[in-house]
Amino acid sequence: WEENYRFAMLLNDRLEQRCPGISRGIDIRSERFNQHVSNKAILLEIGSHGNTMEESLASSKIFAEVLADIVKELSVAE
């Protein structure tokens, strides 16, 4: 869980750097959602009842770009 948490923090920090206010933060819960099965596993929710489809799609694009950057960095580092 600690490695997954570090990865989630890295991702959240980068998202906030790129687009302040995009994230509602990391919700630590006792349920596992199969995140214990692999390293760097996260559960992601994009949008809610308070968002439009356009907002959710824009957020998902930003998330995908940030995630791709992190994956590239981690691939080079390993």
N, C-alpha and C. Protein backbone atom coordinates (compact mmCIF):
# COMPACT_ATOMS: atom_id res chain seq x y z
N TRP A 1 0.81 -1.20 0.00
CA TRP A 1 0.00 0.00 0.00
C TRP A 1 0.85 1.25 0.00
N GLU A 2 2.03 1.17 0.61
CA GLU A 2 2.87 2.36 0.70
C GLU A 2 3.37 2.81 -0.67
N GLU A 3 3.76 1.85 -1.51
CA GLU A 3 4.21 2.21 -2.85
C GLU A 3 3.04 2.79 -3.67
N ASN A 4 1.88 2.19 -3.53
CA ASN A 4 0.70 2.72 -4.23
C ASN A 4 0.37 4.13 -3.75
N TYR A 5 0.51 4.35 -2.46
CA TYR A 5 0.24 5.68 -1.90
C TYR A 5 1.25 6.69 -2.42
N ARG A 6 2.53 6.32 -2.46
CA ARG A 6 3.55 7.23 -2.99
C ARG A 6 3.26 7.58 -4.45
N PHE A 7 2.84 6.57 -5.22
CA PHE A 7 2.51 6.81 -6.62
C PHE A 7 1.30 7.74 -6.73
N ALA A 8 0.30 7.52 -5.91
CA ALA A 8 -0.89 8.38 -5.92
C ALA A 8 -0.52 9.82 -5.54
N MET A 9 0.36 9.98 -4.57
CA MET A 9 0.80 11.32 -4.16
C MET A 9 1.57 12.01 -5.29
N LEU A 10 2.46 11.27 -5.95
CA LEU A 10 3.20 11.82 -7.08
C LEU A 10 2.23 12.28 -8.17
N LEU A 11 1.31 11.43 -8.51
CA LEU A 11 0.32 11.74 -9.54
C LEU A 11 -0.52 12.95 -9.14
N ASN A 12 -1.00 12.97 -7.92
CA ASN A 12 -1.82 14.08 -7.44
C ASN A 12 -1.03 15.39 -7.44
N ASP A 13 0.21 15.34 -6.99
CA ASP A 13 1.04 16.55 -6.97
C ASP A 13 1.25 17.10 -8.38
N ARG A 14 1.54 16.21 -9.32
CA ARG A 14 1.75 16.65 -10.70
C ARG A 14 0.48 17.21 -11.32
N LEU A 15 -0.65 16.59 -11.01
CA LEU A 15 -1.93 17.10 -11.51
C LEU A 15 -2.18 18.51 -10.98
N GLU A 16 -1.92 18.71 -9.71
CA GLU A 16 -2.15 20.02 -9.09
C GLU A 16 -1.17 21.07 -9.62
N GLN A 17 0.05 20.65 -9.93
CA GLN A 17 1.01 21.58 -10.54
C GLN A 17 0.51 22.02 -11.92
N ARG A 18 0.02 21.05 -12.67
CA ARG A 18 -0.44 21.32 -14.03
C ARG A 18 -1.73 22.12 -14.06
N CYS A 19 -2.64 21.81 -13.16
CA CYS A 19 -3.97 22.44 -13.17
C CYS A 19 -4.48 22.55 -11.73
N PRO A 20 -4.09 23.61 -11.01
CA PRO A 20 -4.48 23.73 -9.60
C PRO A 20 -5.99 23.61 -9.41
N GLY A 21 -6.36 22.77 -8.43
CA GLY A 21 -7.75 22.56 -8.10
C GLY A 21 -8.42 21.42 -8.84
N ILE A 22 -7.67 20.74 -9.72
CA ILE A 22 -8.26 19.66 -10.52
C ILE A 22 -8.62 18.45 -9.66
N SER A 23 -7.88 18.24 -8.58
CA SER A 23 -8.07 17.04 -7.75
C SER A 23 -8.78 17.37 -6.45
N ARG A 24 -9.53 16.41 -5.98
CA ARG A 24 -10.13 16.53 -4.65
C ARG A 24 -9.27 15.82 -3.61
N GLY A 25 -8.08 15.45 -4.01
CA GLY A 25 -7.15 14.81 -3.10
C GLY A 25 -7.25 13.30 -3.12
N ILE A 26 -6.55 12.69 -2.21
CA ILE A 26 -6.49 11.23 -2.11
C ILE A 26 -7.34 10.80 -0.92
N ASP A 27 -8.24 9.89 -1.17
CA ASP A 27 -9.14 9.38 -0.14
C ASP A 27 -8.61 8.03 0.34
N ILE A 28 -8.11 8.00 1.55
CA ILE A 28 -7.59 6.76 2.14
C ILE A 28 -8.76 6.00 2.74
N ARG A 29 -8.93 4.75 2.33
CA ARG A 29 -10.05 3.94 2.82
C ARG A 29 -9.56 2.57 3.23
N SER A 30 -10.36 1.89 4.02
CA SER A 30 -9.97 0.56 4.48
C SER A 30 -10.27 -0.52 3.43
N GLU A 31 -11.19 -0.24 2.50
CA GLU A 31 -11.47 -1.21 1.44
C GLU A 31 -10.25 -1.32 0.52
N ARG A 32 -10.09 -2.48 -0.12
CA ARG A 32 -8.88 -2.71 -0.90
C ARG A 32 -9.06 -2.53 -2.41
N PHE A 33 -10.21 -2.80 -2.98
CA PHE A 33 -10.47 -2.61 -4.41
C PHE A 33 -9.41 -3.25 -5.30
N ASN A 34 -8.80 -4.33 -4.85
CA ASN A 34 -7.74 -5.06 -5.58
C ASN A 34 -6.47 -4.26 -5.81
N GLN A 35 -6.32 -3.16 -5.12
CA GLN A 35 -5.12 -2.36 -5.28
C GLN A 35 -3.90 -3.02 -4.65
N HIS A 36 -4.11 -4.02 -3.85
CA HIS A 36 -3.01 -4.75 -3.23
C HIS A 36 -2.38 -5.76 -4.20
N VAL A 37 -3.00 -5.97 -5.34
CA VAL A 37 -2.55 -7.00 -6.28
C VAL A 37 -1.30 -6.57 -7.03
N SER A 38 -1.10 -5.28 -7.22
CA SER A 38 0.02 -4.82 -8.03
C SER A 38 0.53 -3.47 -7.53
N ASN A 39 1.77 -3.19 -7.81
CA ASN A 39 2.35 -1.90 -7.46
C ASN A 39 1.80 -0.81 -8.38
N LYS A 40 1.74 0.37 -7.83
CA LYS A 40 1.26 1.55 -8.55
C LYS A 40 -0.19 1.41 -9.00
N ALA A 41 -0.97 0.66 -8.26
CA ALA A 41 -2.39 0.49 -8.57
C ALA A 41 -3.19 1.58 -7.85
N ILE A 42 -4.05 2.23 -8.58
CA ILE A 42 -4.90 3.27 -8.00
C ILE A 42 -6.32 3.10 -8.52
N LEU A 43 -7.25 3.66 -7.79
CA LEU A 43 -8.64 3.74 -8.23
C LEU A 43 -8.91 5.21 -8.51
N LEU A 44 -9.34 5.49 -9.72
CA LEU A 44 -9.52 6.87 -10.15
C LEU A 44 -10.98 7.12 -10.49
N GLU A 45 -11.49 8.23 -10.00
CA GLU A 45 -12.83 8.66 -10.38
C GLU A 45 -12.70 10.03 -11.04
N ILE A 46 -13.30 10.16 -12.21
CA ILE A 46 -13.26 11.43 -12.93
C ILE A 46 -14.68 11.96 -13.04
N GLY A 47 -14.87 13.17 -12.55
CA GLY A 47 -16.18 13.79 -12.61
C GLY A 47 -17.11 13.26 -11.54
N SER A 48 -18.20 13.98 -11.37
CA SER A 48 -19.24 13.60 -10.41
C SER A 48 -20.54 14.25 -10.85
N HIS A 49 -21.54 14.14 -9.98
CA HIS A 49 -22.82 14.76 -10.31
C HIS A 49 -22.71 16.27 -10.45
N GLY A 50 -21.62 16.84 -9.94
CA GLY A 50 -21.43 18.29 -10.00
C GLY A 50 -20.65 18.76 -11.21
N ASN A 51 -20.28 17.84 -12.09
CA ASN A 51 -19.50 18.20 -13.27
C ASN A 51 -20.28 17.93 -14.54
N THR A 52 -19.97 18.72 -15.55
CA THR A 52 -20.53 18.46 -16.87
C THR A 52 -19.67 17.41 -17.57
N MET A 53 -20.20 16.85 -18.63
CA MET A 53 -19.43 15.89 -19.42
C MET A 53 -18.18 16.57 -19.99
N GLU A 54 -18.31 17.80 -20.43
CA GLU A 54 -17.18 18.53 -21.00
C GLU A 54 -16.06 18.71 -19.97
N GLU A 55 -16.44 19.04 -18.73
CA GLU A 55 -15.44 19.17 -17.67
C GLU A 55 -14.75 17.84 -17.39
N SER A 56 -15.52 16.78 -17.36
CA SER A 56 -14.95 15.45 -17.11
C SER A 56 -14.01 15.03 -18.23
N LEU A 57 -14.39 15.30 -19.47
CA LEU A 57 -13.53 14.95 -20.60
C LEU A 57 -12.24 15.77 -20.59
N ALA A 58 -12.35 17.05 -20.26
CA ALA A 58 -11.15 17.89 -20.17
C ALA A 58 -10.23 17.40 -19.05
N SER A 59 -10.81 17.03 -17.92
CA SER A 59 -10.00 16.51 -16.80
C SER A 59 -9.33 15.20 -17.17
N SER A 60 -10.04 14.34 -17.89
CA SER A 60 -9.46 13.05 -18.26
C SER A 60 -8.29 13.24 -19.22
N LYS A 61 -8.36 14.24 -20.08
CA LYS A 61 -7.25 14.51 -21.00
C LYS A 61 -6.02 14.97 -20.21
N ILE A 62 -6.22 15.87 -19.27
CA ILE A 62 -5.11 16.34 -18.44
C ILE A 62 -4.52 15.18 -17.64
N PHE A 63 -5.39 14.36 -17.06
CA PHE A 63 -4.91 13.20 -16.30
C PHE A 63 -4.07 12.29 -17.19
N ALA A 64 -4.55 11.99 -18.38
CA ALA A 64 -3.83 11.10 -19.29
C ALA A 64 -2.46 11.66 -19.65
N GLU A 65 -2.37 12.95 -19.89
CA GLU A 65 -1.09 13.56 -20.23
C GLU A 65 -0.11 13.49 -19.05
N VAL A 66 -0.59 13.79 -17.85
CA VAL A 66 0.26 13.74 -16.67
C VAL A 66 0.70 12.30 -16.39
N LEU A 67 -0.22 11.36 -16.49
CA LEU A 67 0.12 9.96 -16.27
C LEU A 67 1.15 9.49 -17.29
N ALA A 68 0.97 9.85 -18.55
CA ALA A 68 1.93 9.46 -19.59
C ALA A 68 3.32 10.01 -19.28
N ASP A 69 3.40 11.25 -18.84
CA ASP A 69 4.69 11.84 -18.48
C ASP A 69 5.36 11.06 -17.35
N ILE A 70 4.58 10.70 -16.33
CA ILE A 70 5.13 9.97 -15.18
C ILE A 70 5.58 8.57 -15.61
N VAL A 71 4.79 7.90 -16.41
CA VAL A 71 5.16 6.55 -16.88
C VAL A 71 6.47 6.63 -17.68
N LYS A 72 6.61 7.62 -18.53
CA LYS A 72 7.85 7.79 -19.29
C LYS A 72 9.03 8.00 -18.35
N GLU A 73 8.86 8.87 -17.36
CA GLU A 73 9.93 9.13 -16.40
C GLU A 73 10.31 7.87 -15.63
N LEU A 74 9.32 7.12 -15.18
CA LEU A 74 9.59 5.90 -14.42
C LEU A 74 10.24 4.83 -15.30
N SER A 75 9.87 4.78 -16.56
CA SER A 75 10.46 3.81 -17.48
C SER A 75 11.93 4.09 -17.71
N VAL A 76 12.29 5.36 -17.82
CA VAL A 76 13.68 5.75 -18.02
C VAL A 76 14.49 5.48 -16.76
N ALA A 77 13.89 5.74 -15.59
CA ALA A 77 14.58 5.57 -14.31
C ALA A 77 14.87 4.10 -14.01
N GLU A 78 14.05 3.20 -14.51
CA GLU A 78 14.23 1.78 -14.21
C GLU A 78 15.13 1.19 -15.21
